[in-house]
Amino acid sequence: MRPTPTSRPDDRAGALLTVDLAALVENWRLLKRQVPDPACNVGAVVKADAYGLGAEPVAKALKEAGCTTFFVAHLDEGVTVRAAVGDGPRVVVMHGPNKGTERDFAAYRLVPVLNSPAQIDRWRTFAATNDVLMESLVHVDTGMSRLGLTAREFEELMLDPDGFVGLHPLALMSHLSCAEETKNPMNGEQLLKFTSALATFRGKFPDAKGSFTNSSGIFLGAPYHFQFARPGVALYGANPLEAKPNPMIPVVRLRGKILQVRRVDAAAPVGYGATYTAQDGAKLATVSIGYADGLLRSFSNRGHGYIDDIKVPVAGRVSMDLTIFDVSAVPDSGLGPDATIEIIGTHRTVDDVAAEAGTISYEVLTSLGARYSRSYVSAPRK
């Protein structure tokens, strides 16, 4: 019989990740307040394990707050979220059914997004063969050149009397490509295309709703909202507005444990590749977090953390399991045996970390690793 650890997960882990579900729920409510039309269902995108924060606890907290529609990318994500939220809410799978998975969609009551003529044909055949009557979404591309029906494919299916036979579309959907850039003309161009496509679609399906807007799109105003909004990254505290103050509440706090502090007796190279030189008398803290934990390697020599109110720079390259910080400015009293360095938190937002790593908040969040000790601050019930 194998022994089980007697120590706490917080003690065993090299870093501590705290997810504030109360803040996340308040962000969802803030986004709902940005949508004046009560007929618009403001859902939640919880794909990629709820942007790295844990799909099960996140979905449960949002359901308790009143969220009734959840969006994921893959079938397995949908299965996880269905188990978390129960039978009531809609769970929409945006990549749609891969060949041979249609029966699982029906079994778990997952709403497929149909992105191509081939997916539409397979879903129609499955529904007709198995006498399945289920909602679906039809995706039309309005400018991403990614998933969704092209303009020609959409027109051909609309002109074909049998093109959508057997489908029960809940909504027509599309994706904004530049929503965070409020003055980008692409937004208006896509809106015109989507509005036109939806009007055409309603000629065949009068009750079909529209789903167009993401987190940033919500702030573009009512014309973009339609009947289903799909906020994602803003729920998790990232800024949905370009070059404007962040209206969202921080959700994530990440602290790395200091394993060792050393004083450099003479100028010396630091870390792999010797890309940083510590000066004589510098203090270096080696922290138990690295790129295997999701601290991006591009954070090397340019990122920062905080000890209390003191900013400390990354010294050298981020390695797989360890990162070194120059803590020369921190008094020895702040470097005790339980000292940690805040990577994301009160002083360093997820957007700050993304900017220093030369990336976007989406990548920072979805890279959060499995080796952290995770704790959740509970959200109040509605």
Protein backbone atom coordinates (compact mmCIF):
# COMPACT_ATOMS: atom_id res chain seq x y z
CA MET A 1 0.00 0.00 0.00
CA ARG A 2 1.43 3.34 -1.04
CA PRO A 3 1.71 6.07 1.57
CA THR A 4 -0.27 9.25 1.13
CA PRO A 5 1.34 12.63 1.81
CA THR A 6 0.70 14.01 5.27
CA SER A 7 1.78 17.53 4.34
CA ARG A 8 -0.56 20.18 2.96
CA PRO A 9 -0.71 20.88 -0.81
CA ASP A 10 0.33 24.48 -0.06
CA ASP A 11 3.47 23.16 1.62
CA ARG A 12 4.36 20.78 -1.22
CA ALA A 13 3.82 23.18 -4.11
CA GLY A 14 6.38 25.62 -5.43
CA ALA A 15 3.83 28.34 -6.11
CA LEU A 16 0.39 29.36 -4.89
CA LEU A 17 -2.46 30.27 -7.24
CA THR A 18 -5.56 31.91 -5.79
CA VAL A 19 -8.71 32.32 -7.90
CA ASP A 20 -11.26 34.82 -6.60
CA LEU A 21 -14.59 33.39 -7.72
CA ALA A 22 -16.44 36.26 -6.04
CA ALA A 23 -14.54 38.71 -8.24
CA LEU A 24 -15.19 36.58 -11.32
CA VAL A 25 -18.93 36.55 -10.63
CA GLU A 26 -18.92 40.31 -10.11
CA ASN A 27 -17.17 40.70 -13.48
CA TRP A 28 -19.95 38.70 -15.11
CA ARG A 29 -22.52 40.95 -13.47
CA LEU A 30 -20.62 44.05 -14.61
CA LEU A 31 -20.71 42.77 -18.18
CA LYS A 32 -24.43 42.07 -17.86
CA ARG A 33 -24.94 45.67 -16.80
CA GLN A 34 -23.26 46.77 -20.03
CA VAL A 35 -26.05 45.04 -21.94
CA PRO A 36 -29.26 47.04 -21.43
CA ASP A 37 -31.57 44.67 -23.31
CA PRO A 38 -32.88 42.04 -20.87
CA ALA A 39 -33.61 39.80 -23.84
CA CYS A 40 -29.87 39.41 -24.47
CA ASN A 41 -28.55 36.31 -22.74
CA VAL A 42 -25.08 37.09 -21.38
CA GLY A 43 -23.31 33.74 -21.15
CA ALA A 44 -19.75 32.79 -20.25
CA VAL A 45 -16.91 31.33 -22.30
CA VAL A 46 -15.25 28.65 -20.16
CA LYS A 47 -13.14 26.92 -22.81
CA ALA A 48 -9.50 26.00 -22.16
CA ASP A 49 -10.35 24.98 -18.59
CA ALA A 50 -11.99 28.38 -18.00
CA TYR A 51 -8.92 30.16 -19.36
CA GLY A 52 -6.68 28.14 -17.07
CA LEU A 53 -8.59 28.82 -13.85
CA GLY A 54 -10.61 25.59 -13.60
CA ALA A 55 -13.77 24.97 -15.63
CA GLU A 56 -15.61 23.09 -12.91
CA PRO A 57 -15.39 25.65 -10.06
CA VAL A 58 -15.78 28.58 -12.44
CA ALA A 59 -18.86 27.17 -14.17
CA LYS A 60 -20.47 26.24 -10.85
CA ALA A 61 -19.92 29.73 -9.45
CA LEU A 62 -21.35 31.39 -12.56
CA LYS A 63 -24.35 29.08 -12.60
CA GLU A 64 -25.08 29.95 -8.96
CA ALA A 65 -24.95 33.61 -9.99
CA GLY A 66 -27.56 33.03 -12.69
CA CYS A 67 -25.56 32.29 -15.84
CA THR A 68 -27.53 29.96 -18.09
CA THR A 69 -25.33 29.58 -21.18
CA PHE A 70 -21.76 28.31 -21.31
CA PHE A 71 -19.47 28.18 -24.33
CA VAL A 72 -16.59 25.73 -24.78
CA ALA A 73 -14.40 24.74 -27.70
CA HIS A 74 -14.24 20.92 -27.60
CA LEU A 75 -16.59 18.05 -26.85
CA ASP A 76 -14.63 16.88 -23.79
CA GLU A 77 -14.80 20.40 -22.36
CA GLY A 78 -18.54 20.29 -22.86
CA VAL A 79 -18.79 16.99 -20.99
CA THR A 80 -16.85 18.49 -18.07
CA VAL A 81 -19.00 21.61 -17.93
CA ARG A 82 -22.23 19.62 -18.25
CA ALA A 83 -21.24 17.59 -15.20
CA ALA A 84 -20.46 20.80 -13.31
CA VAL A 85 -23.64 22.74 -14.10
CA GLY A 86 -26.21 19.96 -14.34
CA ASP A 87 -28.99 19.60 -16.87
CA GLY A 88 -30.46 23.10 -16.86
CA PRO A 89 -28.01 25.45 -18.62
CA ARG A 90 -27.09 25.36 -22.27
CA VAL A 91 -23.57 24.17 -23.05
CA VAL A 92 -22.48 25.23 -26.53
CA VAL A 93 -19.52 23.53 -28.24
CA MET A 94 -18.06 26.04 -30.69
CA HIS A 95 -15.89 23.65 -32.71
CA GLY A 96 -18.92 21.51 -33.43
CA PRO A 97 -19.04 17.74 -33.77
CA ASN A 98 -16.07 15.88 -35.17
CA LYS A 99 -17.04 12.97 -37.38
CA GLY A 100 -18.43 10.16 -35.25
CA THR A 101 -19.10 12.26 -32.13
CA GLU A 102 -22.68 13.27 -32.88
CA ARG A 103 -24.14 10.67 -30.53
CA ASP A 104 -22.12 12.06 -27.62
CA PHE A 105 -23.49 15.54 -28.29
CA ALA A 106 -26.99 14.14 -27.99
CA ALA A 107 -26.21 12.07 -24.90
CA TYR A 108 -24.78 15.04 -22.98
CA ARG A 109 -27.23 17.56 -24.44
CA LEU A 110 -24.45 19.69 -25.89
CA VAL A 111 -25.44 22.32 -28.43
CA PRO A 112 -23.24 22.01 -31.54
CA VAL A 113 -22.01 24.97 -33.53
CA LEU A 114 -22.09 23.91 -37.17
CA ASN A 115 -19.13 25.50 -38.93
CA SER A 116 -19.07 23.95 -42.39
CA PRO A 117 -21.33 22.32 -44.97
CA ALA A 118 -19.80 18.96 -44.00
CA GLN A 119 -20.70 19.42 -40.32
CA ILE A 120 -24.19 20.54 -41.26
CA ASP A 121 -24.69 17.52 -43.50
CA ARG A 122 -23.42 15.06 -40.86
CA TRP A 123 -25.56 16.61 -38.12
CA ARG A 124 -28.67 16.60 -40.35
CA THR A 125 -28.09 12.96 -41.24
CA PHE A 126 -27.56 11.97 -37.62
CA ALA A 127 -30.64 13.88 -36.43
CA ALA A 128 -32.87 12.42 -39.13
CA THR A 129 -31.57 8.85 -38.72
CA ASN A 130 -31.88 8.87 -34.94
CA ASP A 131 -35.00 11.04 -34.64
CA VAL A 132 -33.08 13.64 -32.65
CA LEU A 133 -34.60 17.08 -32.15
CA MET A 134 -31.89 19.37 -30.75
CA GLU A 135 -30.88 23.00 -30.94
CA SER A 136 -27.81 23.97 -32.91
CA LEU A 137 -26.00 27.15 -33.90
CA VAL A 138 -24.93 27.93 -37.44
CA HIS A 139 -21.65 29.82 -37.78
CA VAL A 140 -21.13 32.26 -40.62
CA ASP A 141 -17.74 33.88 -41.26
CA THR A 142 -17.90 37.69 -41.49
CA GLY A 143 -14.21 38.47 -41.72
CA MET A 144 -11.99 36.07 -39.76
CA SER A 145 -11.33 33.57 -42.59
CA ARG A 146 -11.29 30.92 -39.91
CA LEU A 147 -14.25 28.76 -38.91
CA GLY A 148 -17.74 29.31 -40.27
CA LEU A 149 -19.56 29.21 -43.57
CA THR A 150 -18.11 31.43 -46.27
CA ALA A 151 -20.46 33.94 -47.88
CA ARG A 152 -20.81 31.65 -50.90
CA GLU A 153 -21.49 28.54 -48.80
CA PHE A 154 -24.09 30.40 -46.77
CA GLU A 155 -25.83 31.68 -49.89
CA GLU A 156 -25.84 28.25 -51.52
CA LEU A 157 -27.33 26.60 -48.44
CA MET A 158 -29.97 29.30 -48.13
CA LEU A 159 -30.97 28.88 -51.79
CA ASP A 160 -31.08 25.08 -51.49
CA PRO A 161 -34.56 24.07 -50.27
CA ASP A 162 -32.97 21.13 -48.44
CA GLY A 163 -29.90 23.02 -47.26
CA PHE A 164 -30.94 23.27 -43.62
CA VAL A 165 -33.70 20.67 -43.52
CA GLY A 166 -33.73 18.85 -40.20
CA LEU A 167 -31.91 21.58 -38.30
CA HIS A 168 -33.41 23.50 -35.41
CA PRO A 169 -31.14 26.53 -35.23
CA LEU A 170 -31.15 28.39 -31.95
CA ALA A 171 -28.99 31.15 -33.44
CA LEU A 172 -26.72 32.33 -36.20
CA MET A 173 -23.31 33.30 -34.86
CA SER A 174 -20.10 34.96 -35.98
CA HIS A 175 -16.83 36.26 -34.47
CA LEU A 176 -15.53 39.80 -34.24
CA SER A 177 -11.86 40.02 -35.18
CA CYS A 178 -10.90 43.51 -33.89
CA ALA A 179 -13.41 44.25 -31.14
CA GLU A 180 -10.83 45.58 -28.67
CA GLU A 181 -9.93 48.28 -31.22
CA THR A 182 -13.03 50.42 -30.86
CA LYS A 183 -12.24 52.65 -33.85
CA ASN A 184 -11.25 49.86 -36.22
CA PRO A 185 -13.58 50.01 -39.27
CA MET A 186 -13.52 46.22 -39.41
CA ASN A 187 -16.05 46.16 -36.55
CA GLY A 188 -18.66 48.09 -38.52
CA GLU A 189 -17.98 46.09 -41.66
CA GLN A 190 -18.49 42.81 -39.83
CA LEU A 191 -21.62 44.11 -38.15
CA LEU A 192 -23.18 44.98 -41.53
CA LYS A 193 -22.33 41.52 -42.90
CA PHE A 194 -23.70 39.74 -39.85
CA THR A 195 -26.89 41.82 -39.71
CA SER A 196 -27.53 41.06 -43.38
CA ALA A 197 -26.84 37.34 -42.95
CA LEU A 198 -29.11 37.14 -39.90
CA ALA A 199 -31.95 38.86 -41.76
CA THR A 200 -31.57 36.34 -44.58
CA PHE A 201 -31.41 33.44 -42.13
CA ARG A 202 -34.58 34.60 -40.39
CA GLY A 203 -36.33 34.41 -43.72
CA LYS A 204 -36.13 30.64 -43.26
CA PHE A 205 -35.94 30.50 -39.45
CA PRO A 206 -37.94 33.45 -38.09
CA ASP A 207 -37.14 32.68 -34.45
CA ALA A 208 -33.37 32.42 -34.92
CA LYS A 209 -31.35 34.59 -32.57
CA GLY A 210 -28.00 36.24 -33.13
CA SER A 211 -24.71 35.67 -31.30
CA PHE A 212 -21.91 38.03 -32.29
CA THR A 213 -20.14 39.72 -29.41
CA ASN A 214 -17.20 38.75 -27.23
CA SER A 215 -15.85 40.54 -24.14
CA SER A 216 -14.62 43.60 -25.99
CA GLY A 217 -17.60 43.61 -28.34
CA ILE A 218 -19.95 44.16 -25.40
CA PHE A 219 -18.36 47.60 -24.97
CA LEU A 220 -18.99 48.49 -28.64
CA GLY A 221 -22.62 49.08 -27.75
CA ALA A 222 -26.12 47.72 -28.20
CA PRO A 223 -26.01 47.18 -32.00
CA TYR A 224 -23.41 44.45 -31.43
CA HIS A 225 -25.21 42.59 -28.65
CA PHE A 226 -28.03 40.70 -30.41
CA GLN A 227 -29.51 37.89 -28.27
CA PHE A 228 -26.50 35.90 -27.05
CA ALA A 229 -23.31 37.55 -25.78
CA ARG A 230 -20.15 35.47 -25.29
CA PRO A 231 -17.78 37.22 -22.83
CA GLY A 232 -14.59 35.34 -22.10
CA VAL A 233 -11.28 36.88 -21.05
CA ALA A 234 -12.86 39.88 -19.28
CA LEU A 235 -14.54 37.49 -16.83
CA TYR A 236 -11.09 36.50 -15.63
CA GLY A 237 -9.95 40.07 -14.96
CA ALA A 238 -8.19 40.97 -18.22
CA ASN A 239 -8.79 44.37 -19.74
CA PRO A 240 -11.27 44.23 -22.67
CA LEU A 241 -10.59 47.87 -23.61
CA GLU A 242 -7.56 48.98 -25.60
CA ALA A 243 -5.61 51.88 -24.05
CA LYS A 244 -8.29 52.55 -21.43
CA PRO A 245 -8.50 51.79 -17.69
CA ASN A 246 -9.55 48.24 -16.94
CA PRO A 247 -13.15 48.11 -15.69
CA MET A 248 -12.80 44.50 -14.55
CA ILE A 249 -11.86 43.22 -11.10
CA PRO A 250 -8.66 41.16 -10.74
CA VAL A 251 -9.40 37.46 -10.32
CA VAL A 252 -5.97 35.79 -10.15
CA ARG A 253 -3.15 35.97 -7.64
CA LEU A 254 0.04 33.99 -8.25
CA ARG A 255 2.91 33.80 -5.75
CA GLY A 256 6.14 31.86 -6.17
CA LYS A 257 8.02 30.51 -3.16
CA ILE A 258 11.58 31.61 -2.60
CA LEU A 259 13.77 28.52 -2.29
CA GLN A 260 17.06 30.28 -1.71
CA VAL A 261 18.51 33.75 -1.29
CA ARG A 262 22.19 34.34 -1.93
CA ARG A 263 24.41 37.39 -1.86
CA VAL A 264 26.87 37.68 -4.73
CA ASP A 265 30.38 38.30 -3.45
CA ALA A 266 31.69 39.42 -6.84
CA ALA A 267 30.05 40.23 -10.18
CA ALA A 268 28.79 36.93 -11.59
CA PRO A 269 26.66 35.54 -14.47
CA VAL A 270 23.14 34.34 -13.64
CA GLY A 271 21.17 31.42 -15.07
CA TYR A 272 21.30 29.54 -18.36
CA GLY A 273 23.16 31.31 -21.11
CA ALA A 274 24.66 33.81 -18.66
CA THR A 275 22.38 36.53 -20.07
CA TYR A 276 22.37 38.58 -16.85
CA THR A 277 25.23 39.71 -14.66
CA ALA A 278 24.65 40.29 -10.97
CA GLN A 279 26.74 43.05 -9.51
CA ASP A 280 29.00 42.73 -6.48
CA GLY A 281 26.83 42.58 -3.36
CA ALA A 282 23.56 41.84 -5.18
CA LYS A 283 21.00 39.59 -3.56
CA LEU A 284 19.39 36.91 -5.74
CA ALA A 285 16.23 34.95 -4.90
CA THR A 286 15.61 31.65 -6.67
CA VAL A 287 11.88 31.03 -6.96
CA SER A 288 10.16 27.69 -7.47
CA ILE A 289 8.34 28.54 -10.68
CA GLY A 290 9.34 28.21 -14.33
CA TYR A 291 8.07 27.77 -17.84
CA ALA A 292 6.78 24.29 -16.98
CA ASP A 293 4.39 26.13 -14.66
CA GLY A 294 3.32 28.58 -17.34
CA LEU A 295 5.68 31.45 -16.55
CA LEU A 296 6.51 32.23 -20.14
CA ARG A 297 10.16 32.07 -21.19
CA SER A 298 9.72 35.45 -22.86
CA PHE A 299 9.47 36.87 -19.32
CA SER A 300 13.25 36.37 -19.09
CA ASN A 301 15.28 39.51 -18.28
CA ARG A 302 12.23 41.75 -18.73
CA GLY A 303 9.61 40.63 -16.21
CA HIS A 304 9.11 41.76 -12.64
CA GLY A 305 7.52 40.56 -9.43
CA TYR A 306 6.81 42.17 -6.09
CA ILE A 307 7.79 41.51 -2.50
CA ASP A 308 5.43 43.62 -0.43
CA ASP A 309 5.58 47.00 -2.24
CA ILE A 310 9.06 46.51 -3.70
CA LYS A 311 9.42 45.76 -7.40
CA VAL A 312 12.00 43.06 -8.17
CA PRO A 313 13.24 42.24 -11.69
CA VAL A 314 13.74 38.82 -13.27
CA ALA A 315 17.48 38.16 -13.42
CA GLY A 316 18.37 36.01 -16.42
CA ARG A 317 16.35 33.38 -18.20
CA VAL A 318 13.23 31.69 -16.93
CA SER A 319 14.12 28.00 -16.76
CA MET A 320 11.85 24.97 -16.60
CA ASP A 321 11.29 24.92 -12.84
CA LEU A 322 13.06 28.00 -11.49
CA THR A 323 13.27 31.75 -11.98
CA ILE A 324 15.78 34.09 -10.37
CA PHE A 325 14.88 37.59 -9.20
CA ASP A 326 17.22 40.37 -8.16
CA VAL A 327 15.99 41.25 -4.66
CA SER A 328 18.80 43.62 -3.74
CA ALA A 329 16.26 46.33 -2.90
CA VAL A 330 14.42 44.13 -0.39
CA PRO A 331 15.53 44.27 3.24
CA ASP A 332 16.57 40.95 4.75
CA SER A 333 13.48 41.07 6.98
CA GLY A 334 11.35 40.62 3.86
CA LEU A 335 13.21 37.51 2.76
CA GLY A 336 12.37 35.13 5.57
CA PRO A 337 11.68 31.39 5.27
CA ASP A 338 8.05 31.89 4.20
CA ALA A 339 8.73 34.69 1.71
CA THR A 340 7.07 34.65 -1.70
CA ILE A 341 7.26 36.81 -4.80
CA GLU A 342 3.99 38.00 -6.27
CA ILE A 343 3.91 37.36 -10.03
CA ILE A 344 0.24 38.28 -10.59
CA GLY A 345 -1.81 40.11 -8.01
CA THR A 346 -2.29 43.46 -6.33
CA HIS A 347 0.75 45.07 -7.95
CA ARG A 348 0.97 43.08 -11.18
CA THR A 349 -2.15 42.47 -13.26
CA VAL A 350 -2.37 39.69 -15.80
CA ASP A 351 -2.17 42.41 -18.47
CA ASP A 352 1.07 43.75 -16.94
CA VAL A 353 2.61 40.29 -17.06
CA ALA A 354 1.45 39.82 -20.65
CA ALA A 355 2.95 43.14 -21.72
CA GLU A 356 6.32 42.31 -20.20
CA ALA A 357 6.28 38.87 -21.78
CA GLY A 358 5.42 40.34 -25.18
CA THR A 359 2.12 38.51 -25.45
CA ILE A 360 -1.56 38.84 -24.51
CA SER A 361 -3.46 38.08 -21.32
CA TYR A 362 -5.15 35.07 -22.96
CA GLU A 363 -1.82 33.27 -23.25
CA VAL A 364 -0.74 34.14 -19.71
CA LEU A 365 -4.00 32.81 -18.23
CA THR A 366 -4.26 29.66 -20.31
CA SER A 367 -0.61 28.82 -19.58
CA LEU A 368 -1.16 28.64 -15.81
CA GLY A 369 0.25 25.28 -14.84
CA ALA A 370 -1.00 22.24 -12.97
CA ARG A 371 1.77 22.22 -10.36
CA TYR A 372 0.47 25.18 -8.41
CA SER A 373 -1.43 24.70 -5.20
CA ARG A 374 -4.79 26.17 -6.16
CA SER A 375 -7.28 27.76 -3.81
CA TYR A 376 -10.63 29.34 -4.57
CA VAL A 377 -12.28 32.28 -2.86
CA SER A 378 -15.93 31.35 -2.87
CA ALA A 379 -18.51 33.45 -4.65
CA PRO A 380 -21.65 34.44 -2.74
CA ARG A 381 -24.92 32.93 -3.84
CA LYS A 382 -27.21 35.17 -5.86
